Amino acid sequence: MDIRKKAIAAAVLLACAAPLSVSMDFAAPATAYATPATETQASDAFAVDFKKGQPAIFEPSDGWTNGDPFNVFWHKDNVTFEDGTMQLTIDYDSSQDKVPYSGGEFRSKKT
């Protein structure tokens, strides 16, 4: 074996033998966990009837964007109810540079 191959082999062995230490001092983000289904009570459940329009426990998102990579600006006007059906609309507006889409999002007010 020539000297170059011996040097590479020695470097690999030293790298494998050296202790590996990784420090992760990042502040962990707060995490929310859902209650497991086995612990969910019947009183926690709800039914949504769109025949009466917008249910009180939900609301359309309005006036904010989720930014890149989705580039959608949420508007409450893009959430409509007709004949017991909710319709979510996404429109493209080529005059907008940073956020070219407007969309409808419907979310619960509670967890």
Protein backbone atom coordinates (compact mmCIF):
# COMPACT_ATOMS: atom_id res chain seq x y z
CA MET A 1 0.00 0.00 0.00
CA ASP A 2 1.45 3.34 -0.93
CA ILE A 3 1.90 6.19 1.53
CA ARG A 4 -1.15 8.13 0.28
CA LYS A 5 -3.52 5.19 0.88
CA LYS A 6 -2.00 4.65 4.35
CA ALA A 7 -2.53 8.33 5.22
CA ILE A 8 -6.18 8.22 4.08
CA ALA A 9 -6.77 5.00 6.02
CA ALA A 10 -5.20 6.52 9.15
CA ALA A 11 -7.32 9.68 8.84
CA VAL A 12 -10.50 7.62 8.49
CA LEU A 13 -9.61 5.51 11.53
CA LEU A 14 -8.83 8.59 13.61
CA ALA A 15 -12.11 10.23 12.57
CA CYS A 16 -14.04 7.12 13.58
CA ALA A 17 -12.21 6.83 16.90
CA ALA A 18 -12.66 10.47 17.92
CA PRO A 19 -15.57 11.11 20.29
CA LEU A 20 -18.46 12.95 18.70
CA SER A 21 -20.05 15.77 20.65
CA VAL A 22 -22.99 17.78 19.45
CA SER A 23 -24.37 20.67 21.43
CA MET A 24 -27.91 21.83 20.73
CA ASP A 25 -28.65 24.89 22.80
CA PHE A 26 -31.59 26.05 20.73
CA ALA A 27 -34.62 27.28 22.61
CA ALA A 28 -37.29 24.68 21.99
CA PRO A 29 -40.54 26.10 20.66
CA ALA A 30 -43.66 25.57 22.70
CA THR A 31 -45.48 22.48 21.49
CA ALA A 32 -49.18 21.86 21.83
CA TYR A 33 -50.37 18.29 21.93
CA ALA A 34 -53.89 17.13 21.15
CA THR A 35 -55.73 14.96 23.63
CA PRO A 36 -55.56 11.33 22.52
CA ALA A 37 -58.80 10.08 20.99
CA THR A 38 -59.15 7.53 23.79
CA GLU A 39 -59.34 10.42 26.29
CA THR A 40 -61.79 12.54 24.30
CA GLN A 41 -65.20 12.81 25.89
CA ALA A 42 -68.47 12.86 23.95
CA SER A 43 -69.05 16.36 25.36
CA ASP A 44 -65.92 17.51 23.45
CA ALA A 45 -67.44 16.58 20.10
CA PHE A 46 -69.44 18.94 17.95
CA ALA A 47 -71.50 18.81 14.79
CA VAL A 48 -71.49 21.51 12.15
CA ASP A 49 -74.62 22.29 10.16
CA PHE A 50 -73.88 24.62 7.24
CA LYS A 51 -77.58 24.78 6.31
CA LYS A 52 -77.94 27.60 8.81
CA GLY A 53 -74.93 29.53 7.47
CA GLN A 54 -71.79 30.17 9.46
CA PRO A 55 -71.69 28.23 12.75
CA ALA A 56 -70.90 30.38 15.79
CA ILE A 57 -67.87 28.28 16.80
CA PHE A 58 -66.10 28.93 13.47
CA GLU A 59 -64.90 32.02 11.63
CA PRO A 60 -63.37 32.84 8.28
CA SER A 61 -59.76 34.03 8.37
CA ASP A 62 -59.44 37.66 7.34
CA GLY A 63 -56.68 40.19 6.85
CA TRP A 64 -53.49 38.15 7.07
CA THR A 65 -51.16 36.14 4.85
CA ASN A 66 -49.26 32.92 5.33
CA GLY A 67 -46.44 34.26 3.13
CA ASP A 68 -43.92 32.26 1.19
CA PRO A 69 -44.20 29.61 -0.22
CA PHE A 70 -48.02 29.76 -0.37
CA ASN A 71 -48.45 33.48 -1.10
CA VAL A 72 -52.11 33.61 -0.12
CA PHE A 73 -53.83 36.52 1.61
CA TRP A 74 -56.91 35.35 3.53
CA HIS A 75 -60.16 37.28 3.02
CA LYS A 76 -63.48 36.56 4.73
CA ASP A 77 -65.25 37.45 1.47
CA ASN A 78 -63.74 34.26 -0.02
CA VAL A 79 -65.84 32.12 2.35
CA THR A 80 -69.51 31.84 1.37
CA PHE A 81 -72.46 29.61 2.26
CA GLU A 82 -75.13 28.62 -0.21
CA ASP A 83 -77.75 25.85 -0.03
CA GLY A 84 -76.09 24.26 3.01
CA THR A 85 -72.66 24.19 1.39
CA MET A 86 -69.58 26.17 2.30
CA GLN A 87 -67.52 27.45 -0.62
CA LEU A 88 -63.87 28.48 -0.29
CA THR A 89 -62.54 30.60 -3.16
CA ILE A 90 -58.97 31.20 -4.26
CA ASP A 91 -58.38 34.05 -6.73
CA TYR A 92 -55.28 35.10 -8.60
CA ASP A 93 -54.51 38.82 -8.80
CA SER A 94 -51.61 39.52 -11.15
CA SER A 95 -51.38 43.13 -9.92
CA GLN A 96 -50.07 41.93 -6.54
CA ASP A 97 -46.33 41.29 -6.43
CA LYS A 98 -45.66 39.67 -3.07
CA VAL A 99 -48.96 37.89 -2.39
CA PRO A 100 -50.70 37.25 -5.71
CA TYR A 101 -53.50 35.02 -4.37
CA SER A 102 -56.50 35.70 -2.17
CA GLY A 103 -58.07 32.71 -0.49
CA GLY A 104 -60.75 31.55 1.88
CA GLU A 105 -59.98 29.75 5.12
CA PHE A 106 -62.48 28.62 7.73
CA ARG A 107 -61.22 27.85 11.22
CA SER A 108 -62.56 27.02 14.65
CA LYS A 109 -62.48 29.60 17.43
CA LYS A 110 -61.65 26.88 19.95
CA THR A 111 -59.16 24.04 20.09
